[in-house]
């Protein structure tokens, strides 16, 4: 398939800036130019408006949008049709039939060094049955951009480049993301949710408003727009606690999910769906949202009971890897390339594990920080796949909860509860460990989750 020449880098950057300045907007909201909606997006209750948004962003940059309309498929007949190489500022078309019909269109906002791409699109993330009225402008990051790949169940058909546009070297910048060197911890203090974080002035500890107490487990991540999303068990019932674009907090019970949740771990899938690994009444369950926003709760087959703590991440192949304490012993529970689950005891690691956290280092090796008898241990794989278990020197005891991130230079940052008080435990690039109490703590923390933003 042949298309016209792609937009220049500066045109593409301007398109990205305009699109990013509208993240969080709905079909009938005031757009970044001060008017309502995006072309006819607010019409018809409103209409499916992904094409309205993409066309509007292009037009704001001076792109020639002749021939484009409110149908996503109109992009398939624009500027010579589809091509297979994404460029920043291009439209990305999904499920195009070659005859003027497509299911979705968005805009490419980055082509990453690892071959993945980012996009921003309108009419995304709505509620099934009332999608267009509840959807917003949202972003997807680091997904496979090859033609024929899938994002959220929709097949990538190809890319379309804009014609014209303002060639400027000073495009409007997107909204600033949260500071990347700051640590943000969602923690439970006396059963209530608190946000503990650093800025240039030091540490802060704020109670999250409007959230009831009795939280017994939680997991935390940023979504692609920079909003905080916390999955929490409140009296054993799963709740999703999150910030909206204005920074206000919301707390919603997740429908259709069993009770008795005693431990959980949370991550976004490579497709951007929420995936929670949870212990429900002693049994491992996988709870996840689909592309329509519906929640599902499935028991994980072939995994016995006795799980008291767990941590979860995706590996580089997109498979789920869970590190879990079963009867105090470390088990690795994972999916293979066919989707089948496996549960293996980790060799050479003693018992007594009561809490753990898990991350990958830059070489793809697993790094687990675990509390064994209240003392911090680092359990990891080497380049041959062999496991090692080392007590971390110079760290206090009484550790009951922890979270870890491995930085690009190999140093580790562990946020831990020691005898009820939040501590930051970290290694430097030379491998020396430090253990500092975080100031301003009440001494009643019981659970936590961390995003390092680095």
Protein backbone atom coordinates (compact mmCIF):
# COMPACT_ATOMS: atom_id res chain seq x y z
CA UNK A 1 0.00 0.00 0.00
CA UNK A 2 1.39 3.40 -0.94
CA UNK A 3 0.62 6.68 0.79
CA UNK A 4 1.89 10.22 0.48
CA UNK A 5 5.04 11.45 2.20
CA UNK A 6 4.77 11.59 5.97
CA UNK A 7 4.49 14.83 7.89
CA UNK A 8 7.69 16.55 8.99
CA UNK A 9 8.82 15.97 12.57
CA UNK A 10 7.78 19.44 13.69
CA UNK A 11 4.30 19.11 12.15
CA UNK A 12 3.90 15.78 13.91
CA UNK A 13 5.07 17.28 17.21
CA UNK A 14 2.49 20.05 16.91
CA UNK A 15 -0.24 17.49 16.30
CA UNK A 16 0.90 15.59 19.40
CA UNK A 17 0.76 18.75 21.51
CA UNK A 18 -2.78 19.60 20.39
CA UNK A 19 -3.98 16.04 20.99
CA UNK A 20 -2.34 15.84 24.43
CA UNK A 21 -3.90 19.13 25.52
CA UNK A 22 -7.31 17.47 25.15
CA UNK A 23 -6.66 14.27 27.13
CA UNK A 24 -9.58 13.64 29.45
CA UNK A 25 -12.07 15.60 27.31
CA UNK A 26 -15.44 14.10 26.41
CA UNK A 27 -17.53 14.45 23.26
CA UNK A 28 -19.30 17.58 24.51
CA UNK A 29 -16.60 19.13 26.69
CA UNK A 30 -14.85 22.41 26.01
CA UNK A 31 -11.82 21.64 23.85
CA UNK A 32 -8.39 23.26 24.12
CA UNK A 33 -9.40 25.90 21.55
CA UNK A 34 -12.31 27.01 23.76
CA UNK A 35 -15.22 25.64 21.72
CA UNK A 36 -17.53 22.70 22.40
CA UNK A 37 -16.57 19.20 21.30
CA UNK A 38 -14.76 18.21 18.13
CA UNK A 39 -16.66 19.00 14.92
CA UNK A 40 -19.95 17.06 15.23
CA UNK A 41 -18.87 14.88 18.19
CA UNK A 42 -21.68 16.23 20.39
CA UNK A 43 -24.39 15.39 17.85
CA UNK A 44 -26.74 12.45 18.08
CA UNK A 45 -26.50 11.72 21.73
CA UNK A 46 -23.39 11.94 21.03
CA UNK A 47 -22.19 10.11 17.92
CA UNK A 48 -19.19 7.78 17.73
CA UNK A 49 -16.59 10.53 17.59
CA UNK A 50 -13.08 9.09 17.14
CA UNK A 51 -12.88 10.42 13.56
CA UNK A 52 -14.26 13.80 14.68
CA UNK A 53 -11.41 14.10 17.17
CA UNK A 54 -8.62 13.03 14.79
CA UNK A 55 -9.90 15.35 12.05
CA UNK A 56 -10.28 18.23 14.53
CA UNK A 57 -6.70 17.87 15.82
CA UNK A 58 -5.31 17.82 12.29
CA UNK A 59 -7.38 20.86 11.31
CA UNK A 60 -6.12 22.80 14.35
CA UNK A 61 -2.62 22.34 12.98
CA UNK A 62 -3.62 23.59 9.53
CA UNK A 63 -3.74 20.12 7.92
CA UNK A 64 -5.89 19.85 4.76
CA UNK A 65 -8.82 17.71 5.97
CA UNK A 66 -10.75 17.76 2.68
CA UNK A 67 -12.53 14.43 2.22
CA UNK A 68 -12.56 13.51 5.90
CA UNK A 69 -15.84 13.21 7.79
CA UNK A 70 -17.20 11.71 11.01
CA UNK A 71 -16.60 8.14 9.77
CA UNK A 72 -13.28 6.52 10.69
CA UNK A 73 -13.20 4.85 7.28
CA UNK A 74 -12.89 8.21 5.52
CA UNK A 75 -9.24 8.26 6.65
CA UNK A 76 -8.64 5.10 4.61
CA UNK A 77 -9.29 7.03 1.39
CA UNK A 78 -7.26 10.12 2.35
CA UNK A 79 -3.85 11.07 0.91
CA UNK A 80 -3.37 7.96 -1.22
CA UNK A 81 -4.56 5.46 1.37
CA UNK A 82 -2.76 3.45 4.00
CA UNK A 83 0.94 2.80 4.49
CA UNK A 84 2.65 0.43 6.91
CA UNK A 85 5.25 2.63 8.67
CA UNK A 86 4.00 4.83 11.53
CA UNK A 87 5.18 8.43 11.85
CA UNK A 88 4.40 10.89 14.62
CA UNK A 89 1.24 12.79 13.64
CA UNK A 90 -0.12 10.01 11.41
CA UNK A 91 -3.61 8.59 11.85
CA UNK A 92 -3.70 4.92 12.83
CA UNK A 93 -6.68 3.01 11.41
CA UNK A 94 -8.25 -0.10 12.94
CA UNK A 95 -10.33 -2.82 11.27
CA UNK A 96 -10.40 -1.06 7.87
CA UNK A 97 -12.19 -3.13 5.21
CA UNK A 98 -10.57 -1.40 2.21
CA UNK A 99 -13.93 -0.07 1.04
CA UNK A 100 -14.42 2.98 3.24
CA UNK A 101 -15.37 1.41 6.58
CA UNK A 102 -13.22 1.23 9.74
CA UNK A 103 -14.03 0.70 13.40
CA UNK A 104 -11.64 3.23 14.93
CA UNK A 105 -9.02 5.88 14.23
CA UNK A 106 -6.49 7.56 16.54
CA UNK A 107 -3.28 9.61 16.19
CA UNK A 108 0.30 8.39 16.55
CA UNK A 109 2.08 10.41 19.24
CA UNK A 110 5.40 8.56 19.52
CA UNK A 111 7.45 5.92 17.73
CA UNK A 112 9.58 4.44 20.50
CA UNK A 113 13.11 3.12 20.30
CA UNK A 114 11.95 -0.43 21.10
CA UNK A 115 9.67 -0.47 18.04
CA UNK A 116 6.44 0.15 19.92
CA UNK A 117 4.25 3.22 19.43
CA UNK A 118 1.99 5.51 21.47
CA UNK A 119 -1.30 7.05 20.39
CA UNK A 120 -4.02 9.42 21.54
CA UNK A 121 -7.61 8.98 20.40
CA UNK A 122 -11.11 10.19 21.05
CA UNK A 123 -14.15 8.05 21.94
CA UNK A 124 -12.02 5.68 24.05
CA UNK A 125 -12.61 4.09 27.45
CA UNK A 126 -16.40 4.39 27.53
CA UNK A 127 -18.99 2.28 29.33
CA UNK A 128 -20.62 -0.45 27.28
CA UNK A 129 -24.20 0.45 26.32
CA UNK A 130 -23.50 4.17 26.60
CA UNK A 131 -20.03 4.28 25.08
CA UNK A 132 -19.88 7.58 23.18
CA UNK A 133 -21.42 9.60 26.01
CA UNK A 134 -19.04 8.18 28.61
CA UNK A 135 -15.83 7.95 26.57
CA UNK A 136 -12.97 10.43 26.57
CA UNK A 137 -9.75 11.37 24.83
CA UNK A 138 -7.18 8.91 26.21
CA UNK A 139 -3.69 7.68 25.43
CA UNK A 140 -2.23 4.23 24.82
CA UNK A 141 1.49 3.66 25.24
CA UNK A 142 4.14 1.15 24.18
CA UNK A 143 2.02 -1.18 22.05
CA UNK A 144 3.04 -3.15 18.97
CA UNK A 145 2.42 -0.91 15.95
CA UNK A 146 3.01 -3.50 13.25
CA UNK A 147 0.18 -3.80 10.71
CA UNK A 148 -1.87 -6.82 11.70
CA UNK A 149 -1.17 -6.41 15.43
CA UNK A 150 -4.02 -5.87 17.85
CA UNK A 151 -4.77 -3.19 20.41
CA UNK A 152 -7.74 -3.75 22.68
CA UNK A 153 -9.17 -6.40 20.34
CA UNK A 154 -8.94 -4.19 17.23
CA UNK A 155 -6.58 -4.98 14.35
CA UNK A 156 -4.16 -2.30 13.11
CA UNK A 157 -4.83 -1.84 9.38
CA UNK A 158 -2.26 0.85 8.62
CA UNK A 159 -1.36 4.51 8.82
CA UNK A 160 -2.37 7.68 7.00
CA UNK A 161 -0.19 10.79 6.87
CA UNK A 162 -1.57 14.34 7.05
CA UNK A 163 -1.33 16.75 4.12
CA UNK A 164 0.21 20.10 5.05
CA UNK A 165 0.14 21.44 8.57
CA UNK A 166 2.07 24.19 10.29
CA UNK A 167 5.80 23.46 10.17
CA UNK A 168 6.89 25.02 13.46
CA UNK A 169 9.80 24.17 15.69
CA UNK A 170 7.98 25.35 18.82
CA UNK A 171 4.81 23.24 19.08
CA UNK A 172 2.55 23.67 22.10
CA UNK A 173 3.85 21.27 24.77
CA UNK A 174 1.70 18.46 26.15
CA UNK A 175 0.69 18.62 29.81
CA UNK A 176 3.66 17.94 32.07
CA UNK A 177 3.70 14.40 33.49
CA UNK A 178 4.27 13.82 37.21
CA UNK A 179 7.87 14.49 38.16
CA UNK A 180 9.81 11.37 37.25
CA UNK A 181 12.23 11.43 40.19
CA UNK A 182 9.51 11.66 42.81
CA UNK A 183 8.25 8.64 44.70
CA UNK A 184 4.51 8.26 45.08
CA UNK A 185 3.26 5.72 47.61
CA UNK A 186 -0.34 4.79 48.23
CA UNK A 187 -0.43 3.43 51.77
CA UNK A 188 -2.95 2.31 54.37
CA UNK A 189 -2.61 4.08 57.70
CA UNK A 190 -5.05 3.01 60.38
CA UNK A 191 -7.20 1.41 57.67
CA UNK A 192 -7.51 4.68 55.70
CA UNK A 193 -5.90 5.49 52.34
CA UNK A 194 -3.04 7.98 52.41
CA UNK A 195 -0.84 9.33 49.61
CA UNK A 196 2.77 9.73 50.65
CA UNK A 197 5.05 11.43 48.14
CA UNK A 198 8.18 13.48 47.62
CA UNK A 199 8.66 16.80 45.88
CA UNK A 200 11.43 19.38 45.95
CA UNK A 201 10.49 20.27 49.54
CA UNK A 202 10.70 16.69 50.84
CA UNK A 203 8.10 14.15 51.99
CA UNK A 204 4.37 14.72 52.35
CA UNK A 205 1.61 12.51 53.81
CA UNK A 206 -1.99 13.35 52.89
CA UNK A 207 -5.15 11.42 53.69
CA UNK A 208 -7.07 10.75 50.46
CA UNK A 209 -10.44 12.51 50.81
CA UNK A 210 -13.79 10.75 50.44
CA UNK A 211 -12.46 7.21 50.86
CA UNK A 212 -13.86 5.03 53.66
CA UNK A 213 -11.51 3.05 55.87
CA UNK A 214 -10.99 -0.68 56.40
CA UNK A 215 -8.64 -1.17 53.42
CA UNK A 216 -6.76 -4.44 53.89
CA UNK A 217 -4.86 -4.74 50.57
CA UNK A 218 -4.07 -2.51 47.59
CA UNK A 219 -2.16 -2.12 44.33
CA UNK A 220 -1.31 1.13 42.54
CA UNK A 221 -0.23 2.36 39.13
CA UNK A 222 -0.47 5.40 36.91
CA UNK A 223 -2.59 5.07 33.79
CA UNK A 224 -1.48 6.39 30.41
CA UNK A 225 -2.91 9.87 31.14
CA UNK A 226 -1.02 10.25 34.44
CA UNK A 227 -4.05 9.61 36.65
CA UNK A 228 -3.50 7.53 39.80
CA UNK A 229 -5.40 4.25 39.86
CA UNK A 230 -5.61 2.22 43.07
CA UNK A 231 -7.20 -1.22 43.23
CA UNK A 232 -8.07 -1.86 46.88
CA UNK A 233 -9.87 -4.42 49.03
CA UNK A 234 -12.25 -2.59 51.36
CA UNK A 235 -13.53 -5.10 53.92
CA UNK A 236 -12.55 -7.77 51.39
CA UNK A 237 -14.52 -6.19 48.52
CA UNK A 238 -12.67 -4.88 45.44
CA UNK A 239 -12.89 -1.12 44.87
CA UNK A 240 -11.29 1.03 42.18
CA UNK A 241 -10.07 4.35 43.56
CA UNK A 242 -8.79 6.87 41.03
CA UNK A 243 -8.22 10.51 40.16
CA UNK A 244 -10.03 12.28 37.32
CA UNK A 245 -8.40 14.90 35.02
CA UNK A 246 -9.18 17.60 37.59
CA UNK A 247 -7.36 15.67 40.32
CA UNK A 248 -10.52 14.73 42.26
CA UNK A 249 -10.64 11.26 43.82
CA UNK A 250 -13.39 8.68 43.20
CA UNK A 251 -14.14 5.34 44.90
CA UNK A 252 -16.25 2.75 43.06
CA UNK A 253 -16.99 -0.83 44.02
CA UNK A 254 -15.99 -3.12 41.11
CA UNK A 255 -19.14 -4.98 39.97
CA UNK A 256 -19.41 -8.76 39.72
CA UNK A 257 -16.33 -9.59 41.81
CA UNK A 258 -16.28 -12.08 44.67
CA UNK A 259 -15.61 -11.11 48.28
CA UNK A 260 -13.04 -12.23 50.81
CA UNK A 261 -10.06 -10.59 49.07
CA UNK A 262 -7.06 -10.74 51.41
CA UNK A 263 -4.18 -9.89 49.06
CA UNK A 264 -3.84 -8.44 45.56
CA UNK A 265 -1.39 -7.14 42.98
CA UNK A 266 -2.23 -4.86 40.04
CA UNK A 267 -0.74 -4.05 36.65
CA UNK A 268 -1.86 -2.75 33.28
CA UNK A 269 -1.70 -5.30 30.47
CA UNK A 270 0.28 -4.49 27.30
CA UNK A 271 -3.13 -3.68 25.76
CA UNK A 272 -3.96 -1.18 28.53
CA UNK A 273 -6.53 -3.25 30.43
CA UNK A 274 -6.50 -3.45 34.23
CA UNK A 275 -5.37 -6.87 35.46
CA UNK A 276 -5.51 -7.82 39.13
CA UNK A 277 -4.18 -11.02 40.64
CA UNK A 278 -6.05 -11.51 43.92
CA UNK A 279 -6.50 -14.02 46.71
CA UNK A 280 -10.23 -14.62 47.24
CA UNK A 281 -10.95 -16.77 50.27
CA UNK A 282 -7.53 -18.34 49.93
CA UNK A 283 -7.75 -19.08 46.18
CA UNK A 284 -5.92 -17.23 43.39
CA UNK A 285 -8.22 -15.34 41.01
CA UNK A 286 -7.48 -13.19 37.96
CA UNK A 287 -9.73 -10.13 37.78
CA UNK A 288 -9.56 -7.97 34.66
CA UNK A 289 -11.36 -5.41 32.53
CA UNK A 290 -12.01 -6.03 28.83
CA UNK A 291 -11.98 -3.52 25.95
CA UNK A 292 -15.61 -2.61 26.65
CA UNK A 293 -14.85 -1.79 30.28
CA UNK A 294 -16.58 -4.90 31.65
CA UNK A 295 -14.99 -6.72 34.58
CA UNK A 296 -14.34 -10.47 34.80
CA UNK A 297 -13.32 -12.67 37.75
CA UNK A 298 -11.82 -16.11 37.01
CA UNK A 299 -10.22 -18.60 39.37
CA UNK A 300 -6.70 -19.44 38.17
CA UNK A 301 -6.65 -23.18 37.35
CA UNK A 302 -4.11 -25.58 38.77
CA UNK A 303 -2.96 -23.35 41.61
CA UNK A 304 -3.65 -24.56 45.12
CA UNK A 305 -4.61 -22.51 48.13
CA UNK A 306 -2.51 -21.20 50.97
CA UNK A 307 -1.39 -17.97 49.29
CA UNK A 308 -0.84 -15.22 51.84
CA UNK A 309 1.10 -12.65 49.78
CA UNK A 310 1.81 -12.04 46.11
CA UNK A 311 3.39 -9.69 43.59
CA UNK A 312 2.72 -9.53 39.86
CA UNK A 313 4.23 -8.20 36.62
CA UNK A 314 4.29 -8.88 32.90
CA UNK A 315 7.50 -10.19 31.38
CA UNK A 316 8.94 -8.97 28.08
CA UNK A 317 6.84 -11.54 26.17
CA UNK A 318 3.57 -10.27 27.66
CA UNK A 319 3.07 -13.29 29.93
CA UNK A 320 1.87 -12.90 33.52
CA UNK A 321 4.39 -13.74 36.23
CA UNK A 322 3.27 -13.94 39.86
CA UNK A 323 5.65 -14.39 42.79
CA UNK A 324 3.64 -15.73 45.73
CA UNK A 325 4.09 -16.96 49.28
CA UNK A 326 2.30 -20.31 49.71
CA UNK A 327 2.52 -21.62 53.24
CA UNK A 328 5.45 -19.23 53.68
CA UNK A 329 7.38 -20.74 50.73
CA UNK A 330 8.12 -18.85 47.50
CA UNK A 331 6.28 -20.04 44.38
CA UNK A 332 6.45 -18.69 40.84
CA UNK A 333 3.08 -18.84 39.08
CA UNK A 334 3.05 -17.90 35.41
CA UNK A 335 1.45 -18.29 32.00
CA UNK A 336 3.26 -19.80 29.05
CA UNK A 337 2.98 -18.80 25.38
CA UNK A 338 -0.27 -20.81 25.04
CA UNK A 339 -1.88 -19.09 28.03
CA UNK A 340 -1.65 -22.17 30.28
CA UNK A 341 -0.85 -21.56 33.96
CA UNK A 342 2.04 -23.16 35.87
CA UNK A 343 2.88 -23.19 39.60
CA UNK A 344 6.46 -24.01 40.60
CA UNK A 345 8.12 -23.85 44.00
CA UNK A 346 11.29 -21.71 43.76
CA UNK A 347 14.32 -23.86 44.66
CA UNK A 348 16.84 -22.90 47.30
CA UNK A 349 14.69 -20.30 49.04
CA UNK A 350 13.75 -20.91 52.66
CA UNK A 351 10.34 -20.45 54.25
CA UNK A 352 8.87 -17.80 56.51
CA UNK A 353 7.95 -15.32 53.75
CA UNK A 354 5.16 -13.02 54.96
CA UNK A 355 5.40 -10.16 52.43
CA UNK A 356 7.07 -9.65 49.08
CA UNK A 357 7.48 -7.30 46.13
CA UNK A 358 8.74 -8.02 42.63
CA UNK A 359 10.28 -6.19 39.69
CA UNK A 360 12.45 -6.91 36.65
CA UNK A 361 15.91 -5.41 36.25
CA UNK A 362 17.23 -4.04 32.96
CA UNK A 363 18.51 -7.51 31.98
CA UNK A 364 15.09 -9.10 32.38
CA UNK A 365 16.00 -10.97 35.58
CA UNK A 366 13.50 -11.24 38.43
CA UNK A 367 14.29 -9.30 41.61
CA UNK A 368 12.15 -10.05 44.66
CA UNK A 369 12.35 -8.19 47.94
CA UNK A 370 10.80 -10.36 50.65
CA UNK A 371 10.21 -10.27 54.38
CA UNK A 372 11.39 -13.54 55.91
CA UNK A 373 10.77 -13.67 59.64
CA UNK A 374 10.45 -9.87 59.47
CA UNK A 375 13.93 -9.43 57.93
CA UNK A 376 14.51 -8.14 54.39
CA UNK A 377 15.85 -10.66 51.87
CA UNK A 378 16.67 -10.12 48.21
CA UNK A 379 15.79 -13.13 46.06
CA UNK A 380 16.82 -12.98 42.41
CA UNK A 381 17.75 -14.89 39.27
CA UNK A 382 21.15 -14.61 37.64
CA UNK A 383 21.97 -14.73 33.92
CA UNK A 384 21.79 -18.54 33.94
CA UNK A 385 18.33 -18.56 35.53
CA UNK A 386 19.60 -19.83 38.91
CA UNK A 387 17.94 -18.43 42.04
CA UNK A 388 19.76 -16.74 44.95
CA UNK A 389 18.51 -15.68 48.40
CA UNK A 390 20.53 -13.11 50.36
CA UNK A 391 19.69 -11.29 53.56
CA UNK A 392 19.98 -7.52 53.01
CA UNK A 393 22.59 -6.08 55.41
CA UNK A 394 21.98 -3.08 57.66
CA UNK A 395 18.18 -3.11 57.45
CA UNK A 396 15.87 -3.18 60.47
CA UNK A 397 13.42 -5.96 61.26
CA UNK A 398 9.65 -6.09 61.74
CA UNK A 399 8.92 -5.64 58.00
CA UNK A 400 5.25 -6.39 57.29
CA UNK A 401 4.67 -4.83 53.83
CA UNK A 402 6.88 -3.61 51.01
CA UNK A 403 7.09 -2.43 47.39
CA UNK A 404 10.11 -2.28 45.07
CA UNK A 405 11.28 -0.67 41.84
CA UNK A 406 14.57 -1.44 40.11
CA UNK A 407 16.08 1.65 38.48
CA UNK A 408 17.89 1.71 35.15
CA UNK A 409 21.31 1.76 36.84
CA UNK A 410 20.46 -1.43 38.75
CA UNK A 411 19.88 0.25 42.12
CA UNK A 412 16.78 -0.77 44.02
CA UNK A 413 14.27 1.39 45.88
CA UNK A 414 12.16 -0.41 48.49
CA UNK A 415 9.38 1.25 50.42
CA UNK A 416 8.62 -0.86 53.49
CA UNK A 417 6.59 -0.88 56.68
CA UNK A 418 8.91 -1.56 59.64
CA UNK A 419 7.02 -2.02 62.90
CA UNK A 420 4.20 0.14 61.55
CA UNK A 421 6.42 2.98 60.29
CA UNK A 422 7.16 3.67 56.64
CA UNK A 423 10.84 3.33 55.70
CA UNK A 424 12.72 3.88 52.45
CA UNK A 425 15.35 1.20 51.90
CA UNK A 426 17.58 1.59 48.87
CA UNK A 427 20.85 0.57 47.30
CA UNK A 428 23.27 2.82 45.49
CA UNK A 429 24.96 1.92 42.21
CA UNK A 430 27.83 0.30 44.16
CA UNK A 431 25.41 -2.05 45.96
CA UNK A 432 25.50 -0.45 49.42
CA UNK A 433 22.15 -0.52 51.24
CA UNK A 434 20.57 2.27 53.32
CA UNK A 435 17.48 2.28 55.57
CA UNK A 436 15.83 5.61 56.44
CA UNK A 437 12.56 6.24 58.25
CA UNK A 438 10.25 8.50 56.23
CA UNK A 439 9.53 11.58 58.35
CA UNK A 440 6.06 12.57 59.50
CA UNK A 441 4.62 9.06 59.86
CA UNK A 442 2.06 8.12 62.51
CA UNK A 443 3.42 4.59 62.93
CA UNK A 444 0.21 2.76 61.96
CA UNK A 445 0.86 1.77 58.33
CA UNK A 446 -0.22 -1.74 57.28
CA UNK A 447 -0.05 -1.89 53.45
CA UNK A 448 1.48 0.09 50.59
CA UNK A 449 2.11 0.25 46.85
CA UNK A 450 4.70 2.35 44.99
CA UNK A 451 5.24 4.02 41.63
CA UNK A 452 8.71 5.48 41.24
CA UNK A 453 7.94 7.32 37.94
CA UNK A 454 11.44 6.62 36.61
